[in-house]
Protein backbone atom coordinates (compact mmCIF):
# COMPACT_ATOMS: atom_id res chain seq x y z
CA UNK A 1 -6.71 -6.41 12.48
CA UNK A 2 -8.54 -3.25 11.29
CA UNK A 3 -11.86 -3.54 9.52
CA UNK A 4 -12.05 -3.05 5.76
CA UNK A 5 -13.62 0.19 4.54
CA UNK A 6 -17.12 -0.17 3.15
CA UNK A 7 -16.10 1.28 -0.20
CA UNK A 8 -17.88 2.90 -3.15
CA UNK A 9 -19.63 -0.17 -4.55
CA UNK A 10 -21.19 -1.22 -1.26
CA UNK A 11 -22.37 2.31 -0.58
CA UNK A 12 -23.76 2.51 -4.12
CA UNK A 13 -25.63 -0.77 -3.61
CA UNK A 14 -27.00 0.55 -0.32
CA UNK A 15 -28.31 3.67 -2.05
CA UNK A 16 -30.22 1.45 -4.49
CA UNK A 17 -31.50 -1.22 -2.10
CA UNK A 18 -32.14 0.47 1.24
CA UNK A 19 -35.00 2.82 0.21
CA UNK A 20 -37.36 0.04 -1.03
CA UNK A 21 -36.49 -2.09 2.00
CA UNK A 22 -37.35 0.77 4.34
CA UNK A 23 -40.68 1.23 2.56
CA UNK A 24 -41.60 -2.46 2.39
CA UNK A 25 -40.62 -3.76 5.83
CA UNK A 26 -40.45 -2.58 9.41
CA UNK A 27 -37.41 -3.56 11.46
CA UNK A 28 -36.91 -5.27 14.80
CA UNK A 29 -33.13 -5.68 14.91
CA UNK A 30 -31.32 -6.92 17.98
CA UNK A 31 -27.93 -8.34 18.94
CA UNK A 32 -25.76 -5.88 17.05
CA UNK A 33 -23.49 -5.76 20.09
CA UNK A 34 -22.46 -9.34 19.25
CA UNK A 35 -21.04 -8.30 15.87
CA UNK A 36 -17.26 -7.94 16.39
CA UNK A 37 -15.98 -4.39 16.00
CA UNK A 38 -12.63 -5.53 14.60
CA UNK A 39 -11.05 -8.57 12.98
CA UNK A 40 -12.31 -11.33 10.76
CA UNK A 41 -15.38 -13.39 11.67
CA UNK A 42 -18.22 -15.46 10.27
CA UNK A 43 -21.93 -14.90 10.54
CA UNK A 44 -24.02 -18.06 10.12
CA UNK A 45 -27.54 -17.10 9.04
CA UNK A 46 -30.78 -19.01 8.41
CA UNK A 47 -32.35 -18.73 4.97
CA UNK A 48 -36.11 -18.75 4.40
CA UNK A 49 -36.77 -16.28 1.58
CA UNK A 50 -35.18 -15.05 -1.63
CA UNK A 51 -35.60 -11.58 -0.12
CA UNK A 52 -33.71 -12.24 3.11
CA UNK A 53 -30.15 -11.74 1.74
CA UNK A 54 -31.07 -8.12 1.01
CA UNK A 55 -32.88 -7.61 4.31
CA UNK A 56 -30.06 -9.24 6.27
CA UNK A 57 -27.37 -7.28 4.39
CA UNK A 58 -29.25 -4.11 5.40
CA UNK A 59 -29.07 -5.18 9.05
CA UNK A 60 -25.38 -5.86 8.98
CA UNK A 61 -24.55 -2.84 6.85
CA UNK A 62 -25.95 -0.77 9.69
CA UNK A 63 -23.46 -2.35 12.11
CA UNK A 64 -20.57 -0.98 10.05
CA UNK A 65 -19.30 -4.53 9.32
CA UNK A 66 -20.56 -5.30 5.86
CA UNK A 67 -21.01 -8.98 4.96
CA UNK A 68 -19.15 -10.69 2.14
CA UNK A 69 -21.45 -13.37 0.73
CA UNK A 70 -20.33 -16.50 -1.06
CA UNK A 71 -21.58 -16.75 -4.64
CA UNK A 72 -20.98 -18.82 -7.76
CA UNK A 73 -17.73 -17.83 -9.45
CA UNK A 74 -19.48 -17.41 -12.80
CA UNK A 75 -21.33 -14.33 -11.52
CA UNK A 76 -18.05 -12.43 -11.22
CA UNK A 77 -16.91 -12.75 -14.82
CA UNK A 78 -18.53 -9.96 -16.81
CA UNK A 79 -21.10 -7.21 -17.06
CA UNK A 80 -22.56 -4.92 -14.42
CA UNK A 81 -23.37 -7.80 -12.08
CA UNK A 82 -19.77 -9.00 -12.21
CA UNK A 83 -18.45 -5.50 -11.56
CA UNK A 84 -20.83 -5.08 -8.62
CA UNK A 85 -19.91 -8.48 -7.17
CA UNK A 86 -16.21 -7.71 -7.40
CA UNK A 87 -16.61 -4.13 -6.22
CA UNK A 88 -18.60 -5.07 -3.12
CA UNK A 89 -16.05 -7.75 -2.21
CA UNK A 90 -18.34 -10.75 -2.54
CA UNK A 91 -16.54 -14.09 -2.52
CA UNK A 92 -16.45 -16.46 -5.49
CA UNK A 93 -16.91 -20.16 -4.79
CA UNK A 94 -15.29 -22.48 -7.31
CA UNK A 95 -17.64 -25.44 -7.14
CA UNK A 96 -15.63 -27.46 -9.64
CA UNK A 97 -12.81 -27.85 -7.11
CA UNK A 98 -12.23 -31.44 -6.01
CA UNK A 99 -10.74 -30.28 -2.72
CA UNK A 100 -13.55 -29.30 -0.35
CA UNK A 101 -11.33 -26.96 1.65
CA UNK A 102 -9.75 -25.20 -1.34
CA UNK A 103 -13.26 -24.42 -2.61
CA UNK A 104 -13.51 -22.06 0.38
CA UNK A 105 -9.97 -20.71 0.11
CA UNK A 106 -11.24 -17.24 -0.79
CA UNK A 107 -13.50 -17.22 2.27
CA UNK A 108 -10.59 -18.23 4.49
CA UNK A 109 -8.43 -15.48 2.98
CA UNK A 110 -11.19 -12.92 3.56
CA UNK A 111 -11.53 -13.84 7.23
CA UNK A 112 -7.76 -13.70 7.67
CA UNK A 113 -7.80 -10.19 6.12
CA UNK A 114 -10.29 -9.09 8.78
CA UNK A 115 -13.50 -9.41 6.76
CA UNK A 116 -16.92 -10.67 7.78
CA UNK A 117 -17.98 -13.66 5.69
CA UNK A 118 -21.70 -14.42 5.76
CA UNK A 119 -22.64 -18.08 5.41
CA UNK A 120 -26.03 -19.60 4.76
CA UNK A 121 -25.10 -23.03 6.16
CA UNK A 122 -28.28 -24.65 4.84
CA UNK A 123 -27.03 -23.93 1.32
CA UNK A 124 -30.51 -23.11 0.04
CA UNK A 125 -33.94 -22.07 1.27
CA UNK A 126 -35.07 -24.23 4.15
CA UNK A 127 -37.40 -27.04 3.18
CA UNK A 128 -38.79 -27.32 6.70
CA UNK A 129 -42.59 -26.92 6.39
CA UNK A 130 -42.68 -24.39 9.24
CA UNK A 131 -39.59 -22.45 8.22
CA UNK A 132 -37.19 -23.76 10.86
CA UNK A 133 -33.50 -24.21 9.94
CA UNK A 134 -32.76 -27.57 8.40
CA UNK A 135 -29.51 -29.54 8.48
CA UNK A 136 -26.48 -27.52 7.40
CA UNK A 137 -23.57 -28.04 5.08
CA UNK A 138 -20.03 -28.02 6.43
CA UNK A 139 -18.54 -24.96 4.68
CA UNK A 140 -18.87 -22.58 7.62
CA UNK A 141 -17.45 -25.21 9.98
CA UNK A 142 -14.44 -25.73 7.71
CA UNK A 143 -13.62 -22.03 7.55
CA UNK A 144 -14.23 -21.57 11.27
CA UNK A 145 -11.88 -24.41 12.25
CA UNK A 146 -9.24 -23.33 9.75
CA UNK A 147 -9.20 -19.69 10.87
CA UNK A 148 -10.38 -20.04 14.50
CA UNK A 149 -12.43 -16.90 13.98
CA UNK A 150 -15.61 -15.97 15.90
CA UNK A 151 -18.79 -17.56 14.52
CA UNK A 152 -21.83 -15.38 15.20
CA UNK A 153 -25.19 -17.21 14.88
CA UNK A 154 -27.85 -15.00 13.33
CA UNK A 155 -31.56 -15.74 13.01
CA UNK A 156 -34.02 -13.77 10.92
CA UNK A 157 -37.75 -13.90 10.36
CA UNK A 158 -40.11 -11.71 8.36
CA UNK A 159 -38.64 -11.51 4.87
CA UNK A 160 -40.33 -14.89 4.35
CA UNK A 161 -43.66 -13.25 5.13
CA UNK A 162 -42.97 -10.54 2.56
CA UNK A 163 -41.79 -13.07 -0.04
CA UNK A 164 -42.61 -16.67 0.96
CA UNK A 165 -40.28 -19.39 -0.32
CA UNK A 166 -40.76 -19.99 -4.07
CA UNK A 167 -43.54 -17.39 -4.28
CA UNK A 168 -43.65 -15.40 -7.51
CA UNK A 169 -45.07 -12.20 -6.02
CA UNK A 170 -44.45 -10.43 -2.69
CA UNK A 171 -47.20 -10.05 -0.11
CA UNK A 172 -46.79 -6.35 0.55
CA UNK A 173 -49.77 -5.54 2.77
CA UNK A 174 -49.99 -5.40 5.66
CA UNK A 175 -46.41 -4.20 6.04
CA UNK A 176 -44.20 -6.97 7.41
CA UNK A 177 -41.55 -6.77 10.14
CA UNK A 178 -38.06 -8.12 9.56
CA UNK A 179 -36.78 -9.50 12.86
CA UNK A 180 -33.08 -10.23 13.32
CA UNK A 181 -31.26 -11.51 16.39
CA UNK A 182 -27.50 -12.03 16.44
CA UNK A 183 -26.33 -14.20 19.31
CA UNK A 184 -22.94 -14.36 21.04
CA UNK A 185 -20.19 -16.20 19.15
CA UNK A 186 -20.38 -19.99 19.29
CA UNK A 187 -17.60 -21.51 21.41
CA UNK A 188 -15.77 -23.94 19.14
CA UNK A 189 -12.43 -23.86 20.97
CA UNK A 190 -12.61 -27.50 22.09
CA UNK A 191 -12.72 -28.56 18.43
CA UNK A 192 -9.43 -26.87 17.58
CA UNK A 193 -6.29 -28.96 16.99
CA UNK A 194 -8.39 -32.00 16.08
CA UNK A 195 -8.25 -33.75 12.75
CA UNK A 196 -10.79 -32.23 10.37
CA UNK A 197 -12.69 -35.44 9.69
CA UNK A 198 -16.19 -35.61 8.15
CA UNK A 199 -17.59 -36.58 11.55
CA UNK A 200 -15.95 -33.58 13.23
CA UNK A 201 -17.22 -31.19 10.56
CA UNK A 202 -20.71 -32.64 10.90
CA UNK A 203 -20.64 -32.19 14.67
CA UNK A 204 -19.40 -28.59 14.45
CA UNK A 205 -22.03 -27.83 11.81
CA UNK A 206 -24.74 -29.20 14.10
CA UNK A 207 -23.49 -26.98 16.93
CA UNK A 208 -23.62 -23.92 14.67
CA UNK A 209 -27.10 -24.78 13.38
CA UNK A 210 -28.35 -25.36 16.93
CA UNK A 211 -27.14 -21.89 17.89
CA UNK A 212 -28.97 -20.32 14.93
CA UNK A 213 -32.14 -22.24 15.81
CA UNK A 214 -31.92 -21.09 19.44
CA UNK A 215 -31.90 -17.46 18.28
CA UNK A 216 -34.89 -18.11 16.01
CA UNK A 217 -36.79 -19.67 18.91
CA UNK A 218 -36.34 -16.40 20.79
CA UNK A 219 -37.60 -14.40 17.81
CA UNK A 220 -40.62 -16.63 17.22
CA UNK A 221 -41.37 -17.28 20.88
CA UNK A 222 -41.75 -21.02 20.37
CA UNK A 223 -39.69 -24.19 20.36
CA UNK A 224 -38.31 -25.71 17.19
CA UNK A 225 -39.16 -29.33 16.37
CA UNK A 226 -36.99 -31.86 18.17
CA UNK A 227 -36.02 -33.53 14.90
CA UNK A 228 -34.20 -31.26 12.47
CA UNK A 229 -35.48 -31.45 8.91
CA UNK A 230 -32.94 -33.32 6.78
CA UNK A 231 -33.66 -33.05 3.03
CA UNK A 232 -31.35 -35.98 2.30
CA UNK A 233 -33.30 -38.27 4.62
CA UNK A 234 -36.57 -37.03 3.15
CA UNK A 235 -35.39 -37.81 -0.38
CA UNK A 236 -34.31 -41.30 0.68
CA UNK A 237 -37.68 -41.91 2.33
CA UNK A 238 -39.51 -40.68 -0.77
CA UNK A 239 -37.48 -42.98 -3.03
CA UNK A 240 -38.17 -45.95 -0.76
CA UNK A 241 -41.85 -45.14 -0.70
CA UNK A 242 -41.95 -44.84 -4.49
CA UNK A 243 -40.04 -48.11 -4.88
CA UNK A 244 -42.40 -49.90 -2.48
CA UNK A 245 -45.42 -48.53 -4.32
CA UNK A 246 -43.99 -49.61 -7.68
CA UNK A 247 -43.25 -53.09 -6.33
CA UNK A 248 -46.76 -53.41 -4.93
CA UNK A 249 -48.26 -52.39 -8.27
CA UNK A 250 -46.11 -54.93 -10.09
CA UNK A 251 -47.12 -57.70 -7.69
CA UNK A 252 -50.75 -56.70 -8.03
CA UNK A 253 -50.42 -56.84 -11.81
CA UNK A 254 -48.84 -60.29 -11.70
CA UNK A 255 -51.63 -61.54 -9.49
CA UNK A 256 -54.39 -60.61 -11.91
């Protein structure tokens, strides 16, 4: 299937965004040969800075296969932002849907039309203290299994040094380097034709996240922690700790 033309709105956005990116960050971009030249596919990307969607979009724009990001449907409704989102072909996600697969129907349609859909499988900025990818959500796995499209794992590092997670101001000097490495597509063929159960989706998501982490290890030149940071498990542990502390305080109060 032929690739979609970049179009006016994406080129307009590039005119606005690329110059400050070129000024603010140097680039060490590798793996562009792993971005498919034709047909629909997914890129699965780690997320460690509010600046990295722009830096990553710059990388992929330069491959000629512009990414279509998933975004809240409300952003598409009105005003300049809505016009830009629609014009650049970004993909609305209807979070109110009760059917997990239909919530990604637009992403599936885009892949089937020959688009690139960019997923941040973590769903938000990583909470890992050292910036490694944390556990992922199953959206990318769902779309990948439904469409059987290539899934390209992409790791990036450097935008988080320009704008650390949750920082209010960028750290401009010295000039940072945005490093990107796209790996070969993840082989998910042995998961096809199997029932799309929660366990299967979890397993496929773990395979995708492991591939992203492997690319980031190459960029950073070090090994990731053996245990992947799981925010759900951390929240459970924090609640248990708080409950135990509260119980101990109550018992101490009763004993006085």
